[in-house]
PDB file of all heavy atoms in Angstrom:
ATOM      1  N   ASP A   1       8.392 -13.708  -4.833  1.00  0.00           N
ATOM      2  CA  ASP A   1       8.914 -12.841  -3.785  1.00  0.00           C
ATOM      3  C   ASP A   1       9.375 -11.554  -4.467  1.00  0.00           C
ATOM      4  O   ASP A   1      10.481 -11.474  -4.989  1.00  0.00           O
ATOM      5  CB  ASP A   1      10.073 -13.543  -3.068  1.00  0.00           C
ATOM      6  CG  ASP A   1      10.571 -12.775  -1.852  1.00  0.00           C
ATOM      7  OD1 ASP A   1      10.063 -11.675  -1.580  1.00  0.00           O
ATOM      8  OD2 ASP A   1      11.478 -13.296  -1.169  1.00  0.00           O
ATOM      9  N   TRP A   2       8.496 -10.560  -4.474  1.00  0.00           N
ATOM     10  CA  TRP A   2       8.734  -9.323  -5.227  1.00  0.00           C
ATOM     11  C   TRP A   2       9.033  -8.164  -4.289  1.00  0.00           C
ATOM     12  O   TRP A   2       8.560  -8.115  -3.157  1.00  0.00           O
ATOM     13  CB  TRP A   2       7.508  -8.957  -6.061  1.00  0.00           C
ATOM     14  CG  TRP A   2       7.176  -9.902  -7.172  1.00  0.00           C
ATOM     15  CD1 TRP A   2       7.836 -11.052  -7.518  1.00  0.00           C
ATOM     16  CD2 TRP A   2       6.091  -9.771  -8.098  1.00  0.00           C
ATOM     17  NE1 TRP A   2       7.224 -11.642  -8.596  1.00  0.00           N
ATOM     18  CE2 TRP A   2       6.164 -10.886  -8.978  1.00  0.00           C
ATOM     19  CE3 TRP A   2       5.082  -8.836  -8.268  1.00  0.00           C
ATOM     20  CZ2 TRP A   2       5.240 -11.067 -10.007  1.00  0.00           C
ATOM     21  CZ3 TRP A   2       4.159  -9.019  -9.291  1.00  0.00           C
ATOM     22  CH2 TRP A   2       4.240 -10.124 -10.159  1.00  0.00           C
ATOM     23  N   GLY A   3       9.786  -7.205  -4.806  1.00  0.00           N
ATOM     24  CA  GLY A   3      10.026  -5.977  -4.064  1.00  0.00           C
ATOM     25  C   GLY A   3      11.262  -6.052  -3.180  1.00  0.00           C
ATOM     26  O   GLY A   3      12.065  -6.981  -3.245  1.00  0.00           O
ATOM     27  N   SER A   4      11.382  -5.049  -2.323  1.00  0.00           N
ATOM     28  CA  SER A   4      12.543  -4.924  -1.450  1.00  0.00           C
ATOM     29  C   SER A   4      12.501  -5.954  -0.328  1.00  0.00           C
ATOM     30  O   SER A   4      11.482  -6.099   0.355  1.00  0.00           O
ATOM     31  CB  SER A   4      12.587  -3.523  -0.839  1.00  0.00           C
ATOM     32  OG  SER A   4      13.573  -3.443   0.169  1.00  0.00           O
ATOM     33  N   LYS A   5      13.614  -6.625  -0.118  1.00  0.00           N
ATOM     34  CA  LYS A   5      13.701  -7.586   0.988  1.00  0.00           C
ATOM     35  C   LYS A   5      13.699  -6.871   2.330  1.00  0.00           C
ATOM     36  O   LYS A   5      13.492  -7.493   3.378  1.00  0.00           O
ATOM     37  CB  LYS A   5      14.961  -8.444   0.840  1.00  0.00           C
ATOM     38  CG  LYS A   5      15.017  -9.265  -0.438  1.00  0.00           C
ATOM     39  CD  LYS A   5      13.864 -10.245  -0.522  1.00  0.00           C
ATOM     40  CE  LYS A   5      13.979 -11.155  -1.739  1.00  0.00           C
ATOM     41  NZ  LYS A   5      13.729 -10.436  -3.016  1.00  0.00           N
ATOM     42  N   GLU A   6      13.889  -5.566   2.309  1.00  0.00           N
ATOM     43  CA  GLU A   6      13.866  -4.780   3.539  1.00  0.00           C
ATOM     44  C   GLU A   6      12.479  -4.236   3.846  1.00  0.00           C
ATOM     45  O   GLU A   6      12.235  -3.703   4.927  1.00  0.00           O
ATOM     46  CB  GLU A   6      14.855  -3.612   3.431  1.00  0.00           C
ATOM     47  CG  GLU A   6      16.280  -4.026   3.102  1.00  0.00           C
ATOM     48  CD  GLU A   6      16.835  -5.026   4.101  1.00  0.00           C
ATOM     49  OE1 GLU A   6      16.629  -4.820   5.317  1.00  0.00           O
ATOM     50  OE2 GLU A   6      17.474  -6.002   3.672  1.00  0.00           O
ATOM     51  N   GLY A   7      11.554  -4.347   2.898  1.00  0.00           N
ATOM     52  CA  GLY A   7      10.223  -3.809   3.089  1.00  0.00           C
ATOM     53  C   GLY A   7       9.350  -4.693   3.970  1.00  0.00           C
ATOM     54  O   GLY A   7       9.618  -5.892   4.137  1.00  0.00           O
ATOM     55  N   GLN A   8       8.324  -4.110   4.557  1.00  0.00           N
ATOM     56  CA  GLN A   8       7.386  -4.907   5.342  1.00  0.00           C
ATOM     57  C   GLN A   8       6.735  -5.944   4.441  1.00  0.00           C
ATOM     58  O   GLN A   8       6.240  -5.619   3.356  1.00  0.00           O
ATOM     59  CB  GLN A   8       6.308  -4.026   5.971  1.00  0.00           C
ATOM     60  CG  GLN A   8       5.326  -4.808   6.839  1.00  0.00           C
ATOM     61  CD  GLN A   8       4.242  -3.934   7.442  1.00  0.00           C
ATOM     62  OE1 GLN A   8       4.253  -2.717   7.283  1.00  0.00           O
ATOM     63  NE2 GLN A   8       3.292  -4.540   8.132  1.00  0.00           N
ATOM     64  N   PRO A   9       6.704  -7.206   4.852  1.00  0.00           N
ATOM     65  CA  PRO A   9       6.156  -8.242   3.984  1.00  0.00           C
ATOM     66  C   PRO A   9       4.624  -8.287   3.993  1.00  0.00           C
ATOM     67  O   PRO A   9       3.986  -8.155   5.036  1.00  0.00           O
ATOM     68  CB  PRO A   9       6.739  -9.532   4.552  1.00  0.00           C
ATOM     69  CG  PRO A   9       7.054  -9.226   5.973  1.00  0.00           C
ATOM     70  CD  PRO A   9       7.360  -7.759   6.042  1.00  0.00           C
ATOM     71  N   VAL A  10       4.076  -8.463   2.811  1.00  0.00           N
ATOM     72  CA  VAL A  10       2.646  -8.701   2.620  1.00  0.00           C
ATOM     73  C   VAL A  10       2.532 -10.048   1.917  1.00  0.00           C
ATOM     74  O   VAL A  10       3.079 -10.234   0.822  1.00  0.00           O
ATOM     75  CB  VAL A  10       1.987  -7.602   1.778  1.00  0.00           C
ATOM     76  CG1 VAL A  10       0.490  -7.848   1.671  1.00  0.00           C
ATOM     77  CG2 VAL A  10       2.273  -6.227   2.369  1.00  0.00           C
ATOM     78  N   VAL A  11       1.862 -10.985   2.549  1.00  0.00           N
ATOM     79  CA  VAL A  11       1.781 -12.357   2.033  1.00  0.00           C
ATOM     80  C   VAL A  11       0.351 -12.630   1.583  1.00  0.00           C
ATOM     81  O   VAL A  11      -0.596 -12.496   2.367  1.00  0.00           O
ATOM     82  CB  VAL A  11       2.224 -13.381   3.104  1.00  0.00           C
ATOM     83  CG1 VAL A  11       2.073 -14.806   2.577  1.00  0.00           C
ATOM     84  CG2 VAL A  11       3.676 -13.114   3.504  1.00  0.00           C
ATOM     85  N   PHE A  12       0.210 -13.031   0.334  1.00  0.00           N
ATOM     86  CA  PHE A  12      -1.084 -13.200  -0.300  1.00  0.00           C
ATOM     87  C   PHE A  12      -1.445 -14.678  -0.452  1.00  0.00           C
ATOM     88  O   PHE A  12      -0.608 -15.496  -0.842  1.00  0.00           O
ATOM     89  CB  PHE A  12      -1.072 -12.568  -1.693  1.00  0.00           C
ATOM     90  CG  PHE A  12      -0.900 -11.080  -1.718  1.00  0.00           C
ATOM     91  CD1 PHE A  12       0.374 -10.511  -1.704  1.00  0.00           C
ATOM     92  CD2 PHE A  12      -2.000 -10.238  -1.766  1.00  0.00           C
ATOM     93  CE1 PHE A  12       0.537  -9.126  -1.740  1.00  0.00           C
ATOM     94  CE2 PHE A  12      -1.852  -8.853  -1.804  1.00  0.00           C
ATOM     95  CZ  PHE A  12      -0.578  -8.304  -1.789  1.00  0.00           C
ATOM     96  N   SER A  13      -2.720 -14.999  -0.196  1.00  0.00           N
ATOM     97  CA  SER A  13      -3.257 -16.346  -0.434  1.00  0.00           C
ATOM     98  C   SER A  13      -4.422 -16.235  -1.416  1.00  0.00           C
ATOM     99  O   SER A  13      -5.364 -15.469  -1.189  1.00  0.00           O
ATOM    100  CB  SER A  13      -3.735 -16.984   0.874  1.00  0.00           C
ATOM    101  OG  SER A  13      -2.640 -17.277   1.726  1.00  0.00           O
ATOM    102  N   HIS A  14      -4.350 -16.998  -2.478  1.00  0.00           N
ATOM    103  CA  HIS A  14      -5.312 -16.881  -3.578  1.00  0.00           C
ATOM    104  C   HIS A  14      -6.566 -17.725  -3.352  1.00  0.00           C
ATOM    105  O   HIS A  14      -6.629 -18.584  -2.476  1.00  0.00           O
ATOM    106  CB  HIS A  14      -4.652 -17.279  -4.901  1.00  0.00           C
ATOM    107  CG  HIS A  14      -4.174 -18.707  -4.949  1.00  0.00           C
ATOM    108  ND1 HIS A  14      -5.023 -19.770  -5.150  1.00  0.00           N
ATOM    109  CD2 HIS A  14      -2.927 -19.240  -4.825  1.00  0.00           C
ATOM    110  CE1 HIS A  14      -4.335 -20.902  -5.151  1.00  0.00           C
ATOM    111  NE2 HIS A  14      -3.054 -20.602  -4.950  1.00  0.00           N
ATOM    112  N   GLY A  15      -7.557 -17.480  -4.183  1.00  0.00           N
ATOM    113  CA  GLY A  15      -8.820 -18.204  -4.120  1.00  0.00           C
ATOM    114  C   GLY A  15      -8.831 -19.450  -4.994  1.00  0.00           C
ATOM    115  O   GLY A  15      -7.870 -19.759  -5.709  1.00  0.00           O
ATOM    116  N   TRP A  16      -9.943 -20.162  -4.942  1.00  0.00           N
ATOM    117  CA  TRP A  16     -10.168 -21.377  -5.741  1.00  0.00           C
ATOM    118  C   TRP A  16     -10.614 -20.969  -7.127  1.00  0.00           C
ATOM    119  O   TRP A  16     -11.430 -20.040  -7.258  1.00  0.00           O
ATOM    120  CB  TRP A  16     -11.252 -22.218  -5.059  1.00  0.00           C
ATOM    121  CG  TRP A  16     -11.769 -23.371  -5.877  1.00  0.00           C
ATOM    122  CD1 TRP A  16     -11.302 -24.663  -5.843  1.00  0.00           C
ATOM    123  CD2 TRP A  16     -12.850 -23.375  -6.820  1.00  0.00           C
ATOM    124  NE1 TRP A  16     -12.031 -25.448  -6.711  1.00  0.00           N
ATOM    125  CE2 TRP A  16     -12.980 -24.675  -7.328  1.00  0.00           C
ATOM    126  CE3 TRP A  16     -13.724 -22.392  -7.302  1.00  0.00           C
ATOM    127  CZ2 TRP A  16     -13.939 -25.038  -8.273  1.00  0.00           C
ATOM    128  CZ3 TRP A  16     -14.672 -22.733  -8.250  1.00  0.00           C
ATOM    129  CH2 TRP A  16     -14.772 -24.051  -8.727  1.00  0.00           C
ATOM    130  N   PRO A  17     -10.160 -21.668  -8.147  1.00  0.00           N
ATOM    131  CA  PRO A  17      -9.102 -22.679  -8.247  1.00  0.00           C
ATOM    132  C   PRO A  17      -7.866 -22.051  -8.855  1.00  0.00           C
ATOM    133  O   PRO A  17      -7.252 -22.595  -9.774  1.00  0.00           O
ATOM    134  CB  PRO A  17      -9.728 -23.696  -9.206  1.00  0.00           C
ATOM    135  CG  PRO A  17     -10.490 -22.803 -10.188  1.00  0.00           C
ATOM    136  CD  PRO A  17     -10.916 -21.573  -9.425  1.00  0.00           C
ATOM    137  N   LEU A  18      -7.493 -20.871  -8.348  1.00  0.00           N
ATOM    138  CA  LEU A  18      -6.553 -19.993  -9.029  1.00  0.00           C
ATOM    139  C   LEU A  18      -5.122 -20.207  -8.556  1.00  0.00           C
ATOM    140  O   LEU A  18      -4.791 -21.247  -7.982  1.00  0.00           O
ATOM    141  CB  LEU A  18      -7.022 -18.540  -8.853  1.00  0.00           C
ATOM    142  CG  LEU A  18      -8.446 -18.279  -9.337  1.00  0.00           C
ATOM    143  CD1 LEU A  18      -8.910 -16.872  -8.996  1.00  0.00           C
ATOM    144  CD2 LEU A  18      -8.555 -18.534 -10.842  1.00  0.00           C
ATOM    145  N   THR A  19      -4.270 -19.238  -8.832  1.00  0.00           N
ATOM    146  CA  THR A  19      -2.855 -19.301  -8.469  1.00  0.00           C
ATOM    147  C   THR A  19      -2.424 -17.927  -7.973  1.00  0.00           C
ATOM    148  O   THR A  19      -3.202 -16.967  -7.954  1.00  0.00           O
ATOM    149  CB  THR A  19      -1.986 -19.705  -9.675  1.00  0.00           C
ATOM    150  OG1 THR A  19      -1.879 -18.585 -10.583  1.00  0.00           O
ATOM    151  CG2 THR A  19      -2.579 -20.892 -10.424  1.00  0.00           C
ATOM    152  N   SER A  20      -1.172 -17.817  -7.626  1.00  0.00           N
ATOM    153  CA  SER A  20      -0.640 -16.528  -7.186  1.00  0.00           C
ATOM    154  C   SER A  20      -0.718 -15.471  -8.287  1.00  0.00           C
ATOM    155  O   SER A  20      -0.650 -14.269  -7.988  1.00  0.00           O
ATOM    156  CB  SER A  20       0.814 -16.691  -6.729  1.00  0.00           C
ATOM    157  OG  SER A  20       1.619 -17.235  -7.774  1.00  0.00           O
ATOM    158  N   ASP A  21      -0.875 -15.890  -9.536  1.00  0.00           N
ATOM    159  CA  ASP A  21      -0.995 -14.921 -10.635  1.00  0.00           C
ATOM    160  C   ASP A  21      -2.176 -13.976 -10.435  1.00  0.00           C
ATOM    161  O   ASP A  21      -2.154 -12.844 -10.932  1.00  0.00           O
ATOM    162  CB  ASP A  21      -1.167 -15.645 -11.974  1.00  0.00           C
ATOM    163  CG  ASP A  21       0.092 -16.375 -12.409  1.00  0.00           C
ATOM    164  OD1 ASP A  21       1.140 -16.225 -11.751  1.00  0.00           O
ATOM    165  OD2 ASP A  21       0.023 -17.111 -13.415  1.00  0.00           O
ATOM    166  N   ASN A  22      -3.194 -14.440  -9.725  1.00  0.00           N
ATOM    167  CA  ASN A  22      -4.373 -13.592  -9.554  1.00  0.00           C
ATOM    168  C   ASN A  22      -4.108 -12.381  -8.665  1.00  0.00           C
ATOM    169  O   ASN A  22      -4.936 -11.468  -8.599  1.00  0.00           O
ATOM    170  CB  ASN A  22      -5.548 -14.412  -8.997  1.00  0.00           C
ATOM    171  CG  ASN A  22      -6.887 -13.800  -9.367  1.00  0.00           C
ATOM    172  OD1 ASN A  22      -7.150 -13.537 -10.536  1.00  0.00           O
ATOM    173  ND2 ASN A  22      -7.727 -13.554  -8.370  1.00  0.00           N
ATOM    174  N   TRP A  23      -2.957 -12.366  -7.997  1.00  0.00           N
ATOM    175  CA  TRP A  23      -2.594 -11.242  -7.125  1.00  0.00           C
ATOM    176  C   TRP A  23      -1.613 -10.287  -7.789  1.00  0.00           C
ATOM    177  O   TRP A  23      -1.112  -9.370  -7.121  1.00  0.00           O
ATOM    178  CB  TRP A  23      -1.973 -11.758  -5.834  1.00  0.00           C
ATOM    179  CG  TRP A  23      -2.917 -12.338  -4.845  1.00  0.00           C
ATOM    180  CD1 TRP A  23      -2.950 -13.629  -4.387  1.00  0.00           C
ATOM    181  CD2 TRP A  23      -3.964 -11.653  -4.141  1.00  0.00           C
ATOM    182  NE1 TRP A  23      -3.945 -13.782  -3.453  1.00  0.00           N
ATOM    183  CE2 TRP A  23      -4.588 -12.583  -3.287  1.00  0.00           C
ATOM    184  CE3 TRP A  23      -4.434 -10.335  -4.168  1.00  0.00           C
ATOM    185  CZ2 TRP A  23      -5.649 -12.240  -2.454  1.00  0.00           C
ATOM    186  CZ3 TRP A  23      -5.494  -9.988  -3.346  1.00  0.00           C
ATOM    187  CH2 TRP A  23      -6.090 -10.947  -2.496  1.00  0.00           C
ATOM    188  N   GLU A  24      -1.302 -10.464  -9.070  1.00  0.00           N
ATOM    189  CA  GLU A  24      -0.190  -9.724  -9.650  1.00  0.00           C
ATOM    190  C   GLU A  24      -0.390  -8.205  -9.611  1.00  0.00           C
ATOM    191  O   GLU A  24       0.580  -7.463  -9.445  1.00  0.00           O
ATOM    192  CB  GLU A  24       0.072 -10.199 -11.087  1.00  0.00           C
ATOM    193  CG  GLU A  24      -1.076  -9.958 -12.040  1.00  0.00           C
ATOM    194  CD  GLU A  24      -0.803 -10.551 -13.415  1.00  0.00           C
ATOM    195  OE1 GLU A  24       0.196 -11.272 -13.563  1.00  0.00           O
ATOM    196  OE2 GLU A  24      -1.594 -10.279 -14.341  1.00  0.00           O
ATOM    197  N   ILE A  25      -1.616  -7.727  -9.744  1.00  0.00           N
ATOM    198  CA  ILE A  25      -1.845  -6.271  -9.710  1.00  0.00           C
ATOM    199  C   ILE A  25      -1.516  -5.719  -8.329  1.00  0.00           C
ATOM    200  O   ILE A  25      -0.835  -4.698  -8.191  1.00  0.00           O
ATOM    201  CB  ILE A  25      -3.299  -5.951 -10.100  1.00  0.00           C
ATOM    202  CG1 ILE A  25      -3.573  -6.368 -11.545  1.00  0.00           C
ATOM    203  CG2 ILE A  25      -3.580  -4.459  -9.920  1.00  0.00           C
ATOM    204  CD1 ILE A  25      -5.015  -6.187 -11.968  1.00  0.00           C
ATOM    205  N   GLN A  26      -2.010  -6.400  -7.285  1.00  0.00           N
ATOM    206  CA  GLN A  26      -1.749  -5.938  -5.917  1.00  0.00           C
ATOM    207  C   GLN A  26      -0.263  -6.095  -5.556  1.00  0.00           C
ATOM    208  O   GLN A  26       0.322  -5.222  -4.906  1.00  0.00           O
ATOM    209  CB  GLN A  26      -2.615  -6.708  -4.927  1.00  0.00           C
ATOM    210  CG  GLN A  26      -4.069  -6.292  -4.916  1.00  0.00           C
ATOM    211  CD  GLN A  26      -4.845  -6.747  -6.141  1.00  0.00           C
ATOM    212  OE1 GLN A  26      -4.656  -7.867  -6.623  1.00  0.00           O
ATOM    213  NE2 GLN A  26      -5.725  -5.888  -6.645  1.00  0.00           N
ATOM    214  N   MET A  27       0.348  -7.183  -5.983  1.00  0.00           N
ATOM    215  CA  MET A  27       1.756  -7.416  -5.670  1.00  0.00           C
ATOM    216  C   MET A  27       2.646  -6.355  -6.324  1.00  0.00           C
ATOM    217  O   MET A  27       3.549  -5.810  -5.686  1.00  0.00           O
ATOM    218  CB  MET A  27       2.174  -8.813  -6.117  1.00  0.00           C
ATOM    219  CG  MET A  27       1.545  -9.931  -5.325  1.00  0.00           C
ATOM    220  SD  MET A  27       2.149 -11.550  -5.835  1.00  0.00           S
ATOM    221  CE  MET A  27       3.860 -11.487  -5.287  1.00  0.00           C
ATOM    222  N   PHE A  28       2.385  -6.057  -7.580  1.00  0.00           N
ATOM    223  CA  PHE A  28       3.182  -5.058  -8.286  1.00  0.00           C
ATOM    224  C   PHE A  28       3.004  -3.681  -7.641  1.00  0.00           C
ATOM    225  O   PHE A  28       3.977  -2.941  -7.440  1.00  0.00           O
ATOM    226  CB  PHE A  28       2.791  -5.012  -9.759  1.00  0.00           C
ATOM    227  CG  PHE A  28       3.567  -4.011 -10.566  1.00  0.00           C
ATOM    228  CD1 PHE A  28       4.854  -4.303 -10.999  1.00  0.00           C
ATOM    229  CD2 PHE A  28       3.039  -2.771 -10.867  1.00  0.00           C
ATOM    230  CE1 PHE A  28       5.589  -3.375 -11.730  1.00  0.00           C
ATOM    231  CE2 PHE A  28       3.756  -1.836 -11.594  1.00  0.00           C
ATOM    232  CZ  PHE A  28       5.039  -2.141 -12.035  1.00  0.00           C
ATOM    233  N   PHE A  29       1.767  -3.353  -7.299  1.00  0.00           N
ATOM    234  CA  PHE A  29       1.481  -2.062  -6.687  1.00  0.00           C
ATOM    235  C   PHE A  29       2.228  -1.896  -5.375  1.00  0.00           C
ATOM    236  O   PHE A  29       2.908  -0.881  -5.153  1.00  0.00           O
ATOM    237  CB  PHE A  29      -0.031  -1.927  -6.470  1.00  0.00           C
ATOM    238  CG  PHE A  29      -0.442  -0.679  -5.740  1.00  0.00           C
ATOM    239  CD1 PHE A  29      -0.494   0.547  -6.390  1.00  0.00           C
ATOM    240  CD2 PHE A  29      -0.797  -0.728  -4.394  1.00  0.00           C
ATOM    241  CE1 PHE A  29      -0.879   1.704  -5.720  1.00  0.00           C
ATOM    242  CE2 PHE A  29      -1.176   0.418  -3.715  1.00  0.00           C
ATOM    243  CZ  PHE A  29      -1.217   1.636  -4.372  1.00  0.00           C
TER     244      PHE A  29
END
């Protein structure tokens, strides 16, 4: 759960057979 708790939430679902780590570039951005 990254970023401002007041910001609009963007919730990511990863692909097979990966983890949430695969979204780290988009999440950080």
